[in-house]
N, C-alpha and C. Protein backbone atom coordinates (compact mmCIF):
# COMPACT_ATOMS: atom_id res chain seq x y z
N MET A 1 116.23 55.01 105.46
CA MET A 1 116.92 56.27 105.27
C MET A 1 116.09 57.22 104.39
N ALA A 2 115.52 56.70 103.30
CA ALA A 2 114.70 57.53 102.40
C ALA A 2 113.48 58.07 103.14
N ASP A 3 112.88 57.24 104.02
CA ASP A 3 111.72 57.70 104.80
C ASP A 3 112.12 58.85 105.74
N LEU A 4 113.31 58.74 106.34
CA LEU A 4 113.79 59.78 107.24
C LEU A 4 113.99 61.10 106.49
N GLN A 5 114.60 61.04 105.28
CA GLN A 5 114.80 62.25 104.48
C GLN A 5 113.46 62.85 104.06
N ARG A 6 112.54 62.01 103.59
CA ARG A 6 111.23 62.48 103.15
C ARG A 6 110.49 63.12 104.32
N ASN A 7 110.59 62.52 105.50
CA ASN A 7 109.91 63.04 106.68
C ASN A 7 110.48 64.39 107.09
N SER A 8 111.80 64.57 106.99
CA SER A 8 112.40 65.84 107.39
C SER A 8 112.05 66.94 106.39
N ILE A 9 111.86 66.60 105.13
CA ILE A 9 111.49 67.60 104.13
C ILE A 9 110.06 68.07 104.35
N THR A 10 109.16 67.15 104.65
CA THR A 10 107.75 67.53 104.78
C THR A 10 107.37 67.92 106.20
N ASN A 11 108.28 67.81 107.15
CA ASN A 11 107.93 68.14 108.52
C ASN A 11 108.58 69.46 108.95
N VAL A 12 108.26 70.51 108.23
CA VAL A 12 108.79 71.84 108.51
C VAL A 12 108.13 72.37 109.78
N PRO A 13 108.91 72.89 110.72
CA PRO A 13 108.29 73.46 111.93
C PRO A 13 107.52 74.74 111.57
N CYS A 14 106.67 75.14 112.45
CA CYS A 14 105.88 76.36 112.24
C CYS A 14 106.84 77.54 112.07
N THR A 15 106.75 78.17 110.92
CA THR A 15 107.63 79.29 110.58
C THR A 15 106.75 80.46 110.13
N CYS A 16 107.10 81.65 110.56
CA CYS A 16 106.28 82.84 110.30
C CYS A 16 107.09 83.85 109.49
N ALA A 17 106.38 84.62 108.67
CA ALA A 17 107.05 85.65 107.88
C ALA A 17 106.09 86.79 107.57
N ILE A 18 106.67 87.94 107.38
CA ILE A 18 105.91 89.11 106.94
C ILE A 18 106.39 89.45 105.53
N PHE A 19 105.45 89.46 104.58
CA PHE A 19 105.73 89.87 103.21
C PHE A 19 104.88 91.10 102.91
N LEU A 20 105.43 92.01 102.10
CA LEU A 20 104.70 93.19 101.68
C LEU A 20 103.90 92.90 100.41
N THR A 21 102.85 93.68 100.18
CA THR A 21 101.95 93.42 99.06
C THR A 21 102.66 93.42 97.71
N GLY A 22 103.76 94.11 97.57
CA GLY A 22 104.50 94.10 96.31
C GLY A 22 105.24 92.80 96.05
N GLN A 23 105.23 91.89 97.03
CA GLN A 23 105.99 90.64 96.90
C GLN A 23 105.11 89.43 96.58
N PHE A 24 103.81 89.61 96.54
CA PHE A 24 102.95 88.46 96.27
C PHE A 24 101.69 88.88 95.53
N ASN A 25 101.07 87.90 94.89
CA ASN A 25 99.84 88.11 94.14
C ASN A 25 98.67 87.76 95.05
N ARG A 26 97.90 88.75 95.46
CA ARG A 26 96.80 88.50 96.39
C ARG A 26 95.69 87.66 95.77
N PHE A 27 95.64 87.59 94.45
CA PHE A 27 94.55 86.88 93.79
C PHE A 27 94.93 85.45 93.40
N ASN A 28 96.20 85.09 93.52
CA ASN A 28 96.65 83.74 93.20
C ASN A 28 97.30 83.15 94.46
N ARG A 29 96.51 82.42 95.22
CA ARG A 29 96.98 81.91 96.52
C ARG A 29 98.03 80.81 96.39
N THR A 30 98.17 80.20 95.21
CA THR A 30 99.16 79.13 95.07
C THR A 30 100.54 79.69 94.69
N GLU A 31 100.59 80.91 94.19
CA GLU A 31 101.87 81.52 93.82
C GLU A 31 102.61 81.96 95.08
N GLN A 32 103.87 81.58 95.18
CA GLN A 32 104.68 81.91 96.35
C GLN A 32 105.17 83.36 96.29
N PRO A 33 105.35 83.99 97.47
CA PRO A 33 105.86 85.37 97.48
C PRO A 33 107.27 85.43 96.90
N LYS A 34 107.63 86.59 96.39
CA LYS A 34 108.95 86.81 95.79
C LYS A 34 109.86 87.53 96.79
N GLY A 35 111.12 87.20 96.76
CA GLY A 35 112.10 87.90 97.60
C GLY A 35 112.08 87.45 99.05
N ASN A 36 112.84 88.17 99.83
CA ASN A 36 112.98 87.85 101.25
C ASN A 36 111.87 88.51 102.06
N PRO A 37 111.41 87.82 103.10
CA PRO A 37 110.41 88.45 103.96
C PRO A 37 111.03 89.59 104.77
N GLY A 38 110.18 90.54 105.18
CA GLY A 38 110.64 91.63 106.02
C GLY A 38 111.01 91.14 107.41
N ILE A 39 110.27 90.16 107.90
CA ILE A 39 110.54 89.53 109.19
C ILE A 39 110.29 88.03 109.01
N GLN A 40 111.15 87.21 109.57
CA GLN A 40 110.94 85.75 109.54
C GLN A 40 111.33 85.16 110.88
N LEU A 41 110.45 84.32 111.40
CA LEU A 41 110.69 83.65 112.69
C LEU A 41 110.40 82.16 112.55
N GLU A 42 111.34 81.33 112.97
CA GLU A 42 111.09 79.89 113.02
C GLU A 42 110.79 79.56 114.48
N LEU A 43 109.57 79.10 114.74
CA LEU A 43 109.14 78.90 116.12
C LEU A 43 109.63 77.59 116.73
N MET A 44 110.17 76.70 115.92
CA MET A 44 110.68 75.41 116.40
C MET A 44 109.59 74.57 117.08
N GLN A 45 108.35 74.80 116.71
CA GLN A 45 107.24 73.99 117.20
C GLN A 45 106.63 73.27 116.01
N HIS A 46 106.24 72.03 116.24
CA HIS A 46 105.57 71.26 115.20
C HIS A 46 104.10 71.13 115.56
N PHE A 47 103.26 71.47 114.61
CA PHE A 47 101.81 71.32 114.77
C PHE A 47 101.33 70.25 113.81
N PRO A 48 100.17 69.67 114.07
CA PRO A 48 99.65 68.65 113.14
C PRO A 48 99.51 69.21 111.72
N CYS A 49 99.68 68.34 110.76
CA CYS A 49 99.58 68.73 109.35
C CYS A 49 98.11 68.69 108.92
N THR A 50 97.30 69.46 109.60
CA THR A 50 95.85 69.51 109.36
C THR A 50 95.41 70.97 109.34
N THR A 51 94.17 71.20 109.01
CA THR A 51 93.61 72.55 109.06
C THR A 51 93.73 73.13 110.46
N SER A 52 93.45 72.30 111.45
CA SER A 52 93.55 72.73 112.85
C SER A 52 95.00 73.07 113.21
N GLY A 53 95.95 72.27 112.76
CA GLY A 53 97.37 72.53 113.01
C GLY A 53 97.82 73.81 112.34
N ASN A 54 97.33 74.05 111.12
CA ASN A 54 97.65 75.29 110.41
C ASN A 54 97.12 76.50 111.17
N LYS A 55 95.93 76.38 111.71
CA LYS A 55 95.33 77.48 112.49
C LYS A 55 96.16 77.74 113.76
N GLN A 56 96.60 76.65 114.41
CA GLN A 56 97.45 76.80 115.60
C GLN A 56 98.75 77.52 115.25
N CYS A 57 99.35 77.13 114.15
CA CYS A 57 100.61 77.75 113.70
C CYS A 57 100.37 79.23 113.40
N SER A 58 99.31 79.53 112.67
CA SER A 58 98.98 80.91 112.32
C SER A 58 98.79 81.76 113.58
N ASN A 59 98.09 81.23 114.57
CA ASN A 59 97.86 81.97 115.82
C ASN A 59 99.16 82.19 116.59
N LYS A 60 100.02 81.16 116.63
CA LYS A 60 101.32 81.31 117.30
C LYS A 60 102.17 82.36 116.59
N CYS A 61 102.10 82.38 115.26
CA CYS A 61 102.85 83.38 114.49
C CYS A 61 102.35 84.78 114.83
N LEU A 62 101.04 84.92 114.90
CA LEU A 62 100.47 86.22 115.23
C LEU A 62 100.96 86.70 116.60
N ASP A 63 100.95 85.80 117.57
CA ASP A 63 101.45 86.14 118.92
C ASP A 63 102.92 86.56 118.87
N ALA A 64 103.72 85.85 118.07
CA ALA A 64 105.15 86.14 118.01
C ALA A 64 105.44 87.44 117.26
N ILE A 65 104.71 87.69 116.18
CA ILE A 65 104.97 88.87 115.34
C ILE A 65 104.49 90.16 116.02
N VAL A 66 103.44 90.09 116.82
CA VAL A 66 102.89 91.28 117.48
C VAL A 66 103.97 92.01 118.28
N LYS A 67 104.91 91.26 118.82
CA LYS A 67 106.00 91.87 119.61
C LYS A 67 106.88 92.79 118.76
N HIS A 68 106.90 92.56 117.45
CA HIS A 68 107.75 93.34 116.55
C HIS A 68 107.03 94.55 115.95
N LEU A 69 105.73 94.68 116.19
CA LEU A 69 104.96 95.76 115.57
C LEU A 69 105.47 97.17 115.89
N PRO A 70 105.84 97.48 117.14
CA PRO A 70 106.28 98.85 117.41
C PRO A 70 107.49 99.28 116.58
N ASN A 71 108.37 98.35 116.24
CA ASN A 71 109.58 98.67 115.48
C ASN A 71 109.53 98.13 114.05
N SER A 72 108.34 97.72 113.61
CA SER A 72 108.23 97.02 112.33
C SER A 72 108.69 97.85 111.14
N GLN A 73 108.42 99.15 111.14
CA GLN A 73 108.82 99.99 110.01
C GLN A 73 110.34 99.96 109.82
N ASN A 74 111.08 100.10 110.91
CA ASN A 74 112.55 100.07 110.83
C ASN A 74 113.06 98.71 110.38
N VAL A 75 112.51 97.65 110.96
CA VAL A 75 112.97 96.29 110.64
C VAL A 75 112.67 95.96 109.18
N ILE A 76 111.46 96.21 108.74
CA ILE A 76 111.07 95.86 107.37
C ILE A 76 111.86 96.66 106.35
N CYS A 77 111.98 97.96 106.55
CA CYS A 77 112.72 98.78 105.59
C CYS A 77 114.18 98.34 105.48
N ALA A 78 114.76 97.91 106.57
CA ALA A 78 116.17 97.48 106.56
C ALA A 78 116.36 96.12 105.91
N THR A 79 115.31 95.31 105.81
CA THR A 79 115.50 93.93 105.33
C THR A 79 114.93 93.62 103.96
N ILE A 80 114.10 94.47 103.38
CA ILE A 80 113.45 94.08 102.12
C ILE A 80 114.29 94.32 100.87
N ASP A 81 115.41 95.00 100.96
CA ASP A 81 116.33 95.19 99.83
C ASP A 81 115.72 95.93 98.64
N ARG A 82 114.75 96.80 98.89
CA ARG A 82 114.15 97.59 97.81
C ARG A 82 113.36 98.74 98.43
N ASP A 83 113.02 99.71 97.61
CA ASP A 83 112.14 100.77 98.07
C ASP A 83 110.70 100.28 97.96
N CYS A 84 109.84 100.81 98.79
CA CYS A 84 108.42 100.46 98.69
C CYS A 84 107.58 101.70 98.99
N PHE A 85 106.39 101.73 98.43
CA PHE A 85 105.50 102.87 98.60
C PHE A 85 104.09 102.37 98.87
N ARG A 86 103.60 102.68 100.05
CA ARG A 86 102.25 102.34 100.49
C ARG A 86 101.91 100.86 100.29
N GLU A 87 102.80 100.00 100.78
CA GLU A 87 102.56 98.56 100.75
C GLU A 87 102.17 98.10 102.15
N ARG A 88 101.26 97.16 102.20
CA ARG A 88 100.82 96.59 103.48
C ARG A 88 101.58 95.30 103.76
N ALA A 89 101.76 95.03 105.04
CA ALA A 89 102.47 93.82 105.47
C ALA A 89 101.44 92.74 105.81
N TYR A 90 101.67 91.54 105.29
CA TYR A 90 100.78 90.40 105.56
C TYR A 90 101.55 89.27 106.22
N LEU A 91 100.87 88.58 107.12
CA LEU A 91 101.45 87.45 107.83
C LEU A 91 101.31 86.18 106.99
N PHE A 92 102.43 85.51 106.76
CA PHE A 92 102.46 84.21 106.08
C PHE A 92 103.01 83.20 107.06
N TYR A 93 102.71 81.93 106.84
CA TYR A 93 103.27 80.88 107.69
C TYR A 93 103.55 79.63 106.87
N GLN A 94 104.43 78.80 107.41
CA GLN A 94 104.69 77.46 106.88
C GLN A 94 104.42 76.49 108.01
N ASN A 95 103.74 75.41 107.70
CA ASN A 95 103.51 74.36 108.69
C ASN A 95 103.57 73.03 107.95
N CYS A 96 104.49 72.19 108.31
CA CYS A 96 104.69 70.84 107.74
C CYS A 96 105.38 70.86 106.38
N THR A 97 105.01 71.77 105.50
CA THR A 97 105.61 71.80 104.16
C THR A 97 106.29 73.15 103.93
N PRO A 98 107.31 73.16 103.09
CA PRO A 98 108.06 74.41 102.85
C PRO A 98 107.36 75.32 101.83
N ARG A 99 106.09 75.61 102.05
CA ARG A 99 105.31 76.52 101.19
C ARG A 99 104.68 77.59 102.06
N TRP A 100 104.86 78.84 101.64
CA TRP A 100 104.26 79.94 102.39
C TRP A 100 102.76 79.97 102.15
N VAL A 101 102.01 80.17 103.23
CA VAL A 101 100.55 80.29 103.16
C VAL A 101 100.18 81.68 103.68
N ASN A 102 99.40 82.41 102.91
CA ASN A 102 98.97 83.75 103.31
C ASN A 102 97.84 83.61 104.32
N SER A 103 98.02 84.14 105.52
CA SER A 103 96.98 84.06 106.55
C SER A 103 95.90 85.12 106.33
N ASN A 104 96.14 86.05 105.41
CA ASN A 104 95.26 87.20 105.16
C ASN A 104 95.17 88.14 106.35
N ILE A 105 96.11 88.05 107.26
CA ILE A 105 96.15 88.95 108.42
C ILE A 105 97.14 90.06 108.11
N SER A 106 96.67 91.30 108.24
CA SER A 106 97.52 92.46 108.00
C SER A 106 97.35 93.44 109.15
N ALA A 107 98.41 94.15 109.47
CA ALA A 107 98.34 95.16 110.52
C ALA A 107 97.55 96.37 110.06
N GLY A 108 97.30 96.48 108.77
CA GLY A 108 96.54 97.59 108.24
C GLY A 108 97.37 98.84 108.01
N LYS A 109 98.63 98.79 108.38
CA LYS A 109 99.53 99.94 108.24
C LYS A 109 100.19 99.90 106.86
N GLU A 110 100.38 101.07 106.28
CA GLU A 110 101.10 101.15 105.01
C GLU A 110 102.56 101.47 105.27
N PHE A 111 103.44 100.80 104.55
CA PHE A 111 104.88 101.00 104.71
C PHE A 111 105.43 101.76 103.51
N CYS A 112 106.31 102.69 103.81
CA CYS A 112 107.05 103.42 102.79
C CYS A 112 108.52 103.41 103.19
N CYS A 113 109.37 102.93 102.28
CA CYS A 113 110.80 102.83 102.56
C CYS A 113 111.58 103.36 101.37
N GLN A 114 112.67 104.06 101.66
CA GLN A 114 113.56 104.51 100.61
C GLN A 114 114.99 104.36 101.11
N ASN A 115 115.83 103.71 100.31
CA ASN A 115 117.24 103.46 100.66
C ASN A 115 117.37 102.79 102.03
N ASP A 116 116.56 101.77 102.27
CA ASP A 116 116.58 100.96 103.50
C ASP A 116 116.12 101.73 104.73
N GLU A 117 115.56 102.90 104.57
CA GLU A 117 115.11 103.72 105.70
C GLU A 117 113.60 103.94 105.62
N PRO A 118 112.93 103.94 106.78
CA PRO A 118 111.50 104.27 106.77
C PRO A 118 111.29 105.74 106.40
N MET A 119 110.17 105.99 105.76
CA MET A 119 109.86 107.34 105.33
C MET A 119 108.36 107.57 105.51
N ARG A 120 107.96 108.79 105.85
CA ARG A 120 106.54 109.09 105.93
C ARG A 120 105.96 109.00 104.52
N CYS A 121 104.86 108.28 104.37
CA CYS A 121 104.30 108.05 103.04
C CYS A 121 103.89 109.33 102.34
N ASN A 122 103.35 110.32 103.07
CA ASN A 122 102.94 111.55 102.40
C ASN A 122 104.16 112.34 101.91
N LEU A 123 105.29 112.26 102.61
CA LEU A 123 106.52 112.90 102.16
C LEU A 123 107.04 112.19 100.91
N MET A 124 107.02 110.87 100.93
CA MET A 124 107.48 110.10 99.78
C MET A 124 106.59 110.38 98.56
N ALA A 125 105.29 110.50 98.77
CA ALA A 125 104.36 110.81 97.68
C ALA A 125 104.72 112.15 97.04
N GLU A 126 105.04 113.12 97.87
CA GLU A 126 105.42 114.44 97.35
C GLU A 126 106.72 114.36 96.55
N LEU A 127 107.69 113.58 97.03
CA LEU A 127 108.95 113.41 96.30
C LEU A 127 108.73 112.72 94.95
N ILE A 128 107.83 111.77 94.92
CA ILE A 128 107.51 111.07 93.67
C ILE A 128 106.85 112.05 92.69
N ARG A 129 105.89 112.84 93.19
CA ARG A 129 105.23 113.83 92.32
C ARG A 129 106.25 114.83 91.76
N GLN A 130 107.15 115.28 92.62
CA GLN A 130 108.17 116.24 92.19
C GLN A 130 109.07 115.63 91.12
N SER A 131 109.47 114.39 91.31
CA SER A 131 110.31 113.70 90.35
C SER A 131 109.60 113.54 89.01
N LEU A 132 108.30 113.22 89.06
CA LEU A 132 107.51 113.07 87.83
C LEU A 132 107.40 114.41 87.09
N ARG A 133 107.21 115.49 87.85
CA ARG A 133 107.13 116.82 87.23
C ARG A 133 108.44 117.17 86.53
N GLU A 134 109.57 116.86 87.20
CA GLU A 134 110.89 117.15 86.61
C GLU A 134 111.12 116.33 85.35
N THR A 135 110.71 115.06 85.38
CA THR A 135 110.86 114.18 84.22
C THR A 135 110.01 114.69 83.07
N THR A 136 108.78 115.09 83.35
CA THR A 136 107.89 115.62 82.32
C THR A 136 108.46 116.90 81.72
N ALA A 137 108.98 117.79 82.57
CA ALA A 137 109.57 119.04 82.10
C ALA A 137 110.80 118.76 81.22
N THR A 138 111.63 117.81 81.61
CA THR A 138 112.82 117.44 80.83
C THR A 138 112.41 116.87 79.49
N ASN A 139 111.41 115.98 79.49
CA ASN A 139 110.94 115.38 78.23
C ASN A 139 110.34 116.43 77.31
N THR A 140 109.62 117.38 77.86
CA THR A 140 109.04 118.45 77.06
C THR A 140 110.13 119.32 76.46
N THR A 141 111.16 119.63 77.25
CA THR A 141 112.29 120.43 76.76
C THR A 141 113.03 119.67 75.67
N ASP A 142 113.28 118.36 75.87
CA ASP A 142 113.97 117.54 74.87
C ASP A 142 113.18 117.51 73.58
N THR A 143 111.87 117.35 73.65
CA THR A 143 111.02 117.27 72.48
C THR A 143 111.03 118.59 71.71
N SER A 144 110.94 119.72 72.43
CA SER A 144 110.93 121.01 71.75
C SER A 144 112.30 121.29 71.13
N SER A 145 113.39 120.84 71.76
CA SER A 145 114.73 121.01 71.19
C SER A 145 114.88 120.22 69.91
N GLU A 146 114.34 119.00 69.90
CA GLU A 146 114.40 118.16 68.69
C GLU A 146 113.60 118.81 67.57
N GLN A 147 112.47 119.41 67.91
CA GLN A 147 111.66 120.08 66.89
C GLN A 147 112.42 121.28 66.33
N ASP A 148 113.10 122.03 67.19
CA ASP A 148 113.89 123.18 66.75
C ASP A 148 114.98 122.74 65.79
N ILE A 149 115.64 121.64 66.09
CA ILE A 149 116.72 121.12 65.25
C ILE A 149 116.16 120.72 63.89
N SER A 150 115.02 120.04 63.86
CA SER A 150 114.47 119.58 62.58
C SER A 150 114.00 120.76 61.74
N VAL A 151 113.57 121.86 62.36
CA VAL A 151 113.14 123.05 61.62
C VAL A 151 114.34 123.72 61.00
N GLU A 152 115.50 123.72 61.69
CA GLU A 152 116.70 124.36 61.18
C GLU A 152 117.27 123.62 59.96
N ARG A 153 117.06 122.30 59.87
CA ARG A 153 117.61 121.52 58.76
C ARG A 153 116.93 121.88 57.53
């Protein structure tokens, strides 16, 4: 019975996911991504627990995920539960063990999402700049008001 449980834990079928750059550390390959993937597919196929099996799983994931590329902006923005600005999507996979492995494959597209909706990145950049200008103007006004108060005392 213990062998059966151990085998089911370590025999994870090939599973694919898309994580955005804000969810993982590109320089620490052992650190797992944070949060939910933008897209996740369990292929229900088992590949050998070897380098070759991992490559097969990665290739199958790529084939499966490519079908979602035309609508990826809508799907990812609706599922990541946060806003994002100019983040790239990377393909991760699991094969045999429940640990995500970064395939280093990216569509090269930058994603921008606000309130679960896709947004053009240049429009979002302008909104961010505008917000920063307003914050700076408010802080400057607050600071000058405080100085006026201290002069009156």
